[in-house]
Amino acid sequence: MKKVLVTGASGYLGGRLCHALLRQGYSVTAFVRSTSDLSCLPPPASAAATGGGSLELAYGDVTDYRSLLTACSGCHVIFHSAALVEPWLPDPSRFFKVNVGGLKNVLRAYKETETIEKIIYSSSFFALGSTDGYVADESQIHHGKFFCTEYEKSKAVADMIALEAASERVPIVAVYPGVVYGPGKLTAGNSVARLIIERFNGRLPGYIGNGTDRFSFSHVDDVVEGHIAALNNGQPGERYLLTGENASFVDVFDMAAALTGTARPRFKIPLSIIEVYGWISVLFSRIAGKLPLISPPTVCVLRHQWAYSCEKAKTELGYNPRGLNEGLAEVLPWLKSLGLIKY
């Protein structure tokens, strides 16, 4: 069985990817920082005890090349899922340091490690750019004319680096999840769950905007399975959208209301008002040191559409994403069981 390295293993996606790989018997090296919250990972001893694969922890940072190179020792596959996922940061240079610099270090480590056979790179739908008025596929390249967030810009630049590496015959497979949601850590990467919490606790009393936004929603476990399918069936140099149902956040709130038997929001909050709230949130964030849920870049994202087709992944990888209603039917009871929402 191949030995795999998972960067970002303590994160929302990375943690669930580690669990799935262990269930399939892989030997997993989880690359984490010394300060990481490891609650989403099983203790290394328990992974083998439950009849799954083996788990070991490797401490370091994707921005620290030497620690990454050491972690790659003896590995056959790298799942590069480490990323800084936030709509806004007071120091935007961190996005490029982690999201661009981290990928560069992974590619450098591949060249110095003779055992690496494949790299599965977790990109983002943001790397392909907005899709105002149409549904995009893997052929889309970010136009680079404008970026809603520094995160989007960093992922678009990293995508160009991945494409260049593929042209140089590096065995890299790029996968592009949509808006990932589902059980797991309530990080910025799990924005759907966080917005549902705000909605059910009365802090978000109306719809966000007028419902013209369209996003491609991906359940986290479907994305995980898509990553493993990319390892088994993905062709080096190819790109695969691991997206799902295209819908608006108005649809999300309406589905949540129907599933819980609660009232739908009665009004729509104009994006101009949400933008003002975002500026206020950023101001308080600079004072309190806590990142805001909504910021002006978030509103910029909501002014565009981000709809994609995952037909290629379905055909070539066997990717089979669940519908948004089915996914929310799992998320809502989970949030209720944690005491985060009531209905």
Protein backbone atom coordinates (compact mmCIF):
# COMPACT_ATOMS: atom_id res chain seq x y z
CA MET A 1 0.00 0.00 0.00
CA LYS A 2 1.28 3.40 -0.96
CA LYS A 3 2.48 5.81 1.68
CA VAL A 4 0.79 9.19 1.34
CA LEU A 5 1.56 12.62 2.73
CA VAL A 6 -1.36 14.95 3.46
CA THR A 7 -0.51 18.61 3.89
CA GLY A 8 -3.05 20.65 5.79
CA ALA A 9 -4.05 17.46 7.60
CA SER A 10 -5.47 19.30 10.59
CA GLY A 11 -7.81 21.38 8.42
CA TYR A 12 -11.47 20.94 7.52
CA LEU A 13 -10.84 19.04 4.27
CA GLY A 14 -7.46 17.55 5.17
CA GLY A 15 -8.71 15.94 8.37
CA ARG A 16 -11.57 14.13 6.68
CA LEU A 17 -9.26 13.11 3.85
CA CYS A 18 -6.92 11.49 6.37
CA HIS A 19 -9.81 9.51 7.90
CA ALA A 20 -10.92 8.26 4.47
CA LEU A 21 -7.40 7.23 3.47
CA LEU A 22 -6.95 5.36 6.75
CA ARG A 23 -10.23 3.49 6.25
CA GLN A 24 -8.90 2.32 2.90
CA GLY A 25 -5.72 1.03 4.49
CA TYR A 26 -3.24 3.68 3.39
CA SER A 27 -0.17 4.58 5.39
CA VAL A 28 -0.75 8.27 6.07
CA THR A 29 1.73 10.92 7.13
CA ALA A 30 -0.22 13.91 8.41
CA PHE A 31 1.76 17.10 7.95
CA VAL A 32 0.71 19.56 10.67
CA ARG A 33 2.06 22.59 12.46
CA SER A 34 3.15 22.32 16.07
CA THR A 35 0.33 24.71 17.01
CA SER A 36 -2.37 22.89 15.02
CA ASP A 37 -5.63 21.70 16.56
CA LEU A 38 -5.49 17.93 15.95
CA SER A 39 -8.99 17.16 17.22
CA CYS A 40 -10.12 16.16 13.71
CA LEU A 41 -7.45 13.44 13.48
CA PRO A 42 -7.45 10.07 15.25
CA PRO A 43 -4.55 9.39 17.63
CA PRO A 44 -1.85 7.61 15.60
CA ALA A 45 -2.09 4.43 17.72
CA SER A 46 -5.87 4.13 17.35
CA ALA A 47 -5.79 4.27 13.54
CA ALA A 48 -4.01 0.93 13.27
CA ALA A 49 -5.91 -0.54 16.21
CA THR A 50 -9.24 -0.12 14.39
CA GLY A 51 -8.03 -2.22 11.47
CA GLY A 52 -7.34 0.72 9.15
CA GLY A 53 -4.10 2.05 7.82
CA SER A 54 -1.32 3.62 9.84
CA LEU A 55 -1.04 7.26 10.79
CA GLU A 56 2.02 9.23 11.77
CA LEU A 57 2.39 12.93 12.43
CA ALA A 58 5.05 15.06 10.80
CA TYR A 59 5.44 18.55 12.20
CA GLY A 60 6.33 21.52 10.08
CA ASP A 61 4.86 24.09 7.73
CA VAL A 62 4.44 24.21 3.95
CA THR A 63 6.27 27.52 4.00
CA ASP A 64 9.25 25.80 5.69
CA TYR A 65 10.84 23.81 2.89
CA ARG A 66 13.15 21.68 5.05
CA SER A 67 10.34 20.40 7.26
CA LEU A 68 8.25 19.60 4.18
CA LEU A 69 11.11 17.75 2.48
CA THR A 70 11.67 15.67 5.61
CA ALA A 71 7.96 14.77 5.73
CA CYS A 72 8.09 13.63 2.08
CA SER A 73 10.72 11.00 2.85
CA GLY A 74 9.54 7.58 1.70
CA CYS A 75 6.16 8.85 0.48
CA HIS A 76 4.67 7.88 -2.88
CA VAL A 77 1.82 10.38 -3.08
CA ILE A 78 1.32 13.94 -1.88
CA PHE A 79 -2.16 15.27 -1.24
CA HIS A 80 -1.48 18.98 -1.08
CA SER A 81 -4.57 20.34 0.67
CA ALA A 82 -2.86 22.94 2.86
CA ALA A 83 -4.17 26.43 2.18
CA LEU A 84 -4.98 29.66 3.91
CA VAL A 85 -8.75 29.98 3.36
CA GLU A 86 -10.14 33.32 4.49
CA PRO A 87 -12.07 36.04 2.65
CA TRP A 88 -9.98 38.74 4.33
CA LEU A 89 -6.83 39.09 6.41
CA PRO A 90 -5.18 42.21 7.83
CA ASP A 91 -1.93 41.04 6.21
CA PRO A 92 -2.86 39.89 2.67
CA SER A 93 0.72 38.83 1.90
CA ARG A 94 0.07 35.69 3.97
CA PHE A 95 -2.16 34.33 1.20
CA PHE A 96 0.71 34.26 -1.27
CA LYS A 97 3.18 32.99 1.30
CA VAL A 98 1.02 29.92 2.05
CA ASN A 99 -1.03 29.29 -1.08
CA VAL A 100 1.61 30.10 -3.68
CA GLY A 101 4.79 29.50 -1.71
CA GLY A 102 3.44 26.24 -0.29
CA LEU A 103 2.75 24.80 -3.74
CA LYS A 104 6.18 25.89 -4.96
CA ASN A 105 7.76 24.05 -2.03
CA VAL A 106 5.74 20.90 -2.77
CA LEU A 107 6.92 20.92 -6.39
CA ARG A 108 10.49 21.51 -5.26
CA ALA A 109 10.24 18.62 -2.81
CA TYR A 110 8.91 16.37 -5.58
CA LYS A 111 12.03 17.06 -7.64
CA GLU A 112 14.29 16.18 -4.72
CA THR A 113 12.34 13.12 -3.58
CA GLU A 114 12.75 10.11 -5.83
CA THR A 115 9.76 8.18 -4.48
CA ILE A 116 6.91 10.60 -5.28
CA GLU A 117 4.72 9.20 -8.06
CA LYS A 118 1.77 11.58 -7.99
CA ILE A 119 0.64 14.91 -6.54
CA ILE A 120 -3.04 15.62 -5.95
CA TYR A 121 -3.34 19.38 -5.62
CA SER A 122 -6.43 20.84 -3.93
CA SER A 123 -7.11 24.07 -5.78
CA SER A 124 -10.42 25.98 -5.64
CA PHE A 125 -13.22 27.07 -7.94
CA PHE A 126 -11.95 30.60 -7.28
CA ALA A 127 -8.82 29.72 -9.26
CA LEU A 128 -10.94 29.49 -12.42
CA GLY A 129 -12.71 32.80 -11.94
CA SER A 130 -16.34 33.89 -11.91
CA THR A 131 -18.97 32.58 -14.33
CA ASP A 132 -21.43 35.45 -14.67
CA GLY A 133 -24.28 34.22 -16.86
CA TYR A 134 -22.94 30.77 -17.77
CA VAL A 135 -21.68 27.45 -16.36
CA ALA A 136 -17.93 26.83 -16.72
CA ASP A 137 -15.88 23.67 -17.01
CA GLU A 138 -12.19 22.78 -16.59
CA SER A 139 -11.21 24.59 -19.78
CA GLN A 140 -11.71 27.97 -18.12
CA ILE A 141 -8.58 29.89 -17.18
CA HIS A 142 -8.89 32.85 -14.82
CA HIS A 143 -9.02 36.06 -16.86
CA GLY A 144 -6.89 37.86 -14.27
CA LYS A 145 -8.63 41.20 -14.87
CA PHE A 146 -9.94 41.55 -11.34
CA PHE A 147 -10.07 39.52 -8.13
CA CYS A 148 -12.72 39.74 -5.43
CA THR A 149 -10.36 38.56 -2.70
CA GLU A 150 -6.66 38.11 -2.15
CA TYR A 151 -7.42 34.43 -1.57
CA GLU A 152 -8.86 34.19 -5.09
CA LYS A 153 -5.81 35.94 -6.52
CA SER A 154 -3.40 33.62 -4.70
CA LYS A 155 -5.23 30.49 -5.88
CA ALA A 156 -5.32 31.77 -9.46
CA VAL A 157 -1.56 32.40 -9.40
CA ALA A 158 -0.95 28.98 -7.84
CA ASP A 159 -3.11 27.42 -10.56
CA MET A 160 -0.82 28.86 -13.22
CA ILE A 161 2.14 27.33 -11.39
CA ALA A 162 0.41 23.94 -11.30
CA LEU A 163 -0.36 24.14 -15.04
CA GLU A 164 3.25 25.03 -15.79
CA ALA A 165 4.46 22.10 -13.70
CA ALA A 166 2.10 19.78 -15.57
CA SER A 167 3.52 21.03 -18.89
CA GLU A 168 6.95 20.02 -17.58
CA ARG A 169 5.62 16.48 -17.00
CA VAL A 170 5.31 16.74 -13.23
CA PRO A 171 2.66 14.10 -12.32
CA ILE A 172 0.26 16.60 -10.79
CA VAL A 173 -3.52 16.33 -10.84
CA ALA A 174 -5.39 19.51 -9.92
CA VAL A 175 -8.85 19.23 -8.38
CA TYR A 176 -11.18 22.17 -7.86
CA PRO A 177 -13.78 21.83 -5.08
CA GLY A 178 -16.77 24.15 -5.00
CA VAL A 179 -18.19 25.74 -1.86
CA VAL A 180 -17.38 22.90 0.53
CA TYR A 181 -19.88 22.20 3.29
CA GLY A 182 -20.76 19.39 5.68
CA PRO A 183 -19.84 18.08 9.13
CA GLY A 184 -16.43 18.91 10.51
CA LYS A 185 -14.46 21.89 11.67
CA LEU A 186 -16.28 25.20 11.63
CA THR A 187 -13.50 27.05 9.85
CA ALA A 188 -13.76 29.73 7.17
CA GLY A 189 -13.72 26.84 4.71
CA ASN A 190 -17.07 25.67 6.13
CA SER A 191 -18.87 28.92 5.40
CA VAL A 192 -22.26 27.30 4.76
CA ALA A 193 -22.47 25.87 8.27
CA ARG A 194 -21.36 29.18 9.76
CA LEU A 195 -24.02 31.12 7.85
CA ILE A 196 -26.70 28.61 8.87
CA ILE A 197 -25.70 29.13 12.50
CA GLU A 198 -26.04 32.90 12.05
CA ARG A 199 -29.43 32.44 10.38
CA PHE A 200 -30.91 30.16 13.04
CA ASN A 201 -29.60 32.30 15.90
CA GLY A 202 -31.25 35.45 14.55
CA ARG A 203 -28.07 37.29 13.69
CA LEU A 204 -28.83 37.01 9.97
CA PRO A 205 -32.56 37.77 9.80
CA GLY A 206 -32.95 37.95 6.02
CA TYR A 207 -31.64 36.58 2.76
CA ILE A 208 -28.21 37.68 1.60
CA GLY A 209 -28.78 39.77 -1.52
CA ASN A 210 -31.52 39.10 -4.06
CA GLY A 211 -30.69 35.49 -4.91
CA THR A 212 -28.97 36.09 -8.24
CA ASP A 213 -25.72 34.66 -6.88
CA ARG A 214 -24.97 31.10 -7.96
CA PHE A 215 -22.39 28.88 -6.31
CA SER A 216 -21.48 25.26 -6.87
CA PHE A 217 -21.94 23.49 -3.54
CA SER A 218 -19.81 20.41 -2.72
CA HIS A 219 -20.36 18.12 0.26
CA VAL A 220 -17.03 17.61 2.03
CA ASP A 221 -17.22 13.81 1.92
CA ASP A 222 -17.91 13.87 -1.83
CA VAL A 223 -14.86 16.09 -2.28
CA VAL A 224 -12.78 13.66 -0.22
CA GLU A 225 -13.92 10.75 -2.37
CA GLY A 226 -13.10 12.84 -5.43
CA HIS A 227 -9.56 13.32 -4.18
CA ILE A 228 -9.06 9.59 -3.72
CA ALA A 229 -10.60 8.94 -7.15
CA ALA A 230 -8.11 11.43 -8.59
CA LEU A 231 -5.33 9.36 -7.06
CA ASN A 232 -6.66 6.14 -8.54
CA ASN A 233 -8.01 7.33 -11.89
CA GLY A 234 -6.94 10.91 -12.46
CA GLN A 235 -4.55 11.53 -15.31
CA PRO A 236 -1.43 13.61 -14.61
CA GLY A 237 -1.75 17.05 -16.08
CA GLU A 238 -5.54 16.98 -16.06
CA ARG A 239 -7.91 19.23 -14.11
CA TYR A 240 -11.11 18.05 -12.42
CA LEU A 241 -13.92 20.14 -10.96
CA LEU A 242 -15.19 18.52 -7.76
CA THR A 243 -18.26 20.71 -7.64
CA GLY A 244 -21.94 19.95 -7.19
CA GLU A 245 -25.36 21.56 -7.41
CA ASN A 246 -25.39 25.17 -8.58
CA ALA A 247 -27.65 27.24 -6.32
CA SER A 248 -27.88 30.56 -4.46
CA PHE A 249 -27.75 31.22 -0.75
CA VAL A 250 -31.46 32.07 -1.00
CA ASP A 251 -31.93 28.44 -2.08
CA VAL A 252 -29.80 27.29 0.88
CA PHE A 253 -31.91 29.21 3.38
CA ASP A 254 -35.18 28.04 1.77
CA MET A 255 -34.05 24.41 1.84
CA ALA A 256 -32.95 24.75 5.46
CA ALA A 257 -36.35 26.18 6.39
CA ALA A 258 -38.21 23.36 4.61
CA LEU A 259 -36.05 20.65 6.18
CA THR A 260 -36.48 22.01 9.70
CA GLY A 261 -40.10 23.11 9.45
CA THR A 262 -39.14 26.68 10.30
CA ALA A 263 -40.15 29.94 8.63
CA ARG A 264 -38.24 31.23 5.65
CA PRO A 265 -36.69 34.70 5.87
CA ARG A 266 -39.27 37.36 5.05
CA PHE A 267 -37.02 39.91 3.38
CA LYS A 268 -33.79 40.33 1.46
CA ILE A 269 -30.87 42.30 2.80
CA PRO A 270 -29.33 44.43 0.00
CA LEU A 271 -25.65 43.77 -0.61
CA SER A 272 -24.97 47.49 -0.10
CA ILE A 273 -26.10 47.16 3.52
CA ILE A 274 -24.12 43.96 3.99
CA GLU A 275 -21.06 45.74 2.59
CA VAL A 276 -21.39 48.51 5.19
CA TYR A 277 -21.70 45.82 7.86
CA GLY A 278 -18.58 44.21 6.38
CA TRP A 279 -16.56 47.42 6.75
CA ILE A 280 -17.71 47.76 10.35
CA SER A 281 -16.78 44.11 10.98
CA VAL A 282 -13.30 44.69 9.56
CA LEU A 283 -12.86 47.72 11.83
CA PHE A 284 -13.82 45.72 14.91
CA SER A 285 -11.64 42.85 13.70
CA ARG A 286 -8.57 45.09 13.68
CA ILE A 287 -9.38 46.10 17.25
CA ALA A 288 -10.39 42.71 18.66
CA GLY A 289 -8.07 40.54 16.59
CA LYS A 290 -10.87 38.15 15.55
CA LEU A 291 -11.49 37.63 11.84
CA PRO A 292 -14.94 38.73 10.63
CA LEU A 293 -17.50 36.38 9.10
CA ILE A 294 -18.45 38.97 6.48
CA SER A 295 -16.08 41.54 4.96
CA PRO A 296 -16.17 43.78 1.86
CA PRO A 297 -14.34 41.12 -0.24
CA THR A 298 -17.08 38.64 0.75
CA VAL A 299 -19.69 41.02 -0.66
CA CYS A 300 -17.69 41.32 -3.88
CA VAL A 301 -17.84 37.53 -4.22
CA LEU A 302 -21.63 37.62 -3.72
CA ARG A 303 -21.99 40.10 -6.58
CA HIS A 304 -20.82 37.43 -9.03
CA GLN A 305 -21.75 33.92 -10.07
CA TRP A 306 -19.58 30.85 -9.58
CA ALA A 307 -21.38 28.00 -11.37
CA TYR A 308 -19.49 25.00 -12.72
CA SER A 309 -20.01 21.61 -14.32
CA CYS A 310 -18.42 18.48 -12.83
CA GLU A 311 -19.31 16.22 -15.79
CA LYS A 312 -15.66 15.47 -16.52
CA ALA A 313 -15.04 14.24 -12.96
CA LYS A 314 -18.22 12.15 -13.13
CA THR A 315 -17.11 10.54 -16.37
CA GLU A 316 -13.40 10.04 -15.71
CA LEU A 317 -13.26 9.67 -11.92
CA GLY A 318 -16.66 8.22 -11.08
CA TYR A 319 -17.36 11.32 -8.99
CA ASN A 320 -20.93 11.24 -7.70
CA PRO A 321 -21.86 14.38 -5.71
CA ARG A 322 -25.05 14.44 -3.66
CA GLY A 323 -27.65 17.13 -4.11
CA LEU A 324 -27.69 20.20 -1.88
CA ASN A 325 -30.98 19.22 -0.22
CA GLU A 326 -29.58 15.80 0.68
CA GLY A 327 -26.41 17.35 2.05
CA LEU A 328 -28.25 19.92 4.14
CA ALA A 329 -30.45 17.15 5.53
CA GLU A 330 -27.26 15.82 7.13
CA VAL A 331 -25.73 19.16 8.16
CA LEU A 332 -28.75 20.58 9.99
CA PRO A 333 -29.22 17.69 12.49
CA TRP A 334 -25.46 17.68 13.03
CA LEU A 335 -25.46 21.37 13.96
CA LYS A 336 -28.49 20.78 16.19
CA SER A 337 -26.75 17.88 17.97
CA LEU A 338 -23.86 20.21 18.79
CA GLY A 339 -26.28 22.72 20.29
CA LEU A 340 -25.31 25.34 17.70
CA ILE A 341 -28.82 25.72 16.27
CA LYS A 342 -32.33 25.00 17.52
CA TYR A 343 -35.46 24.07 15.60
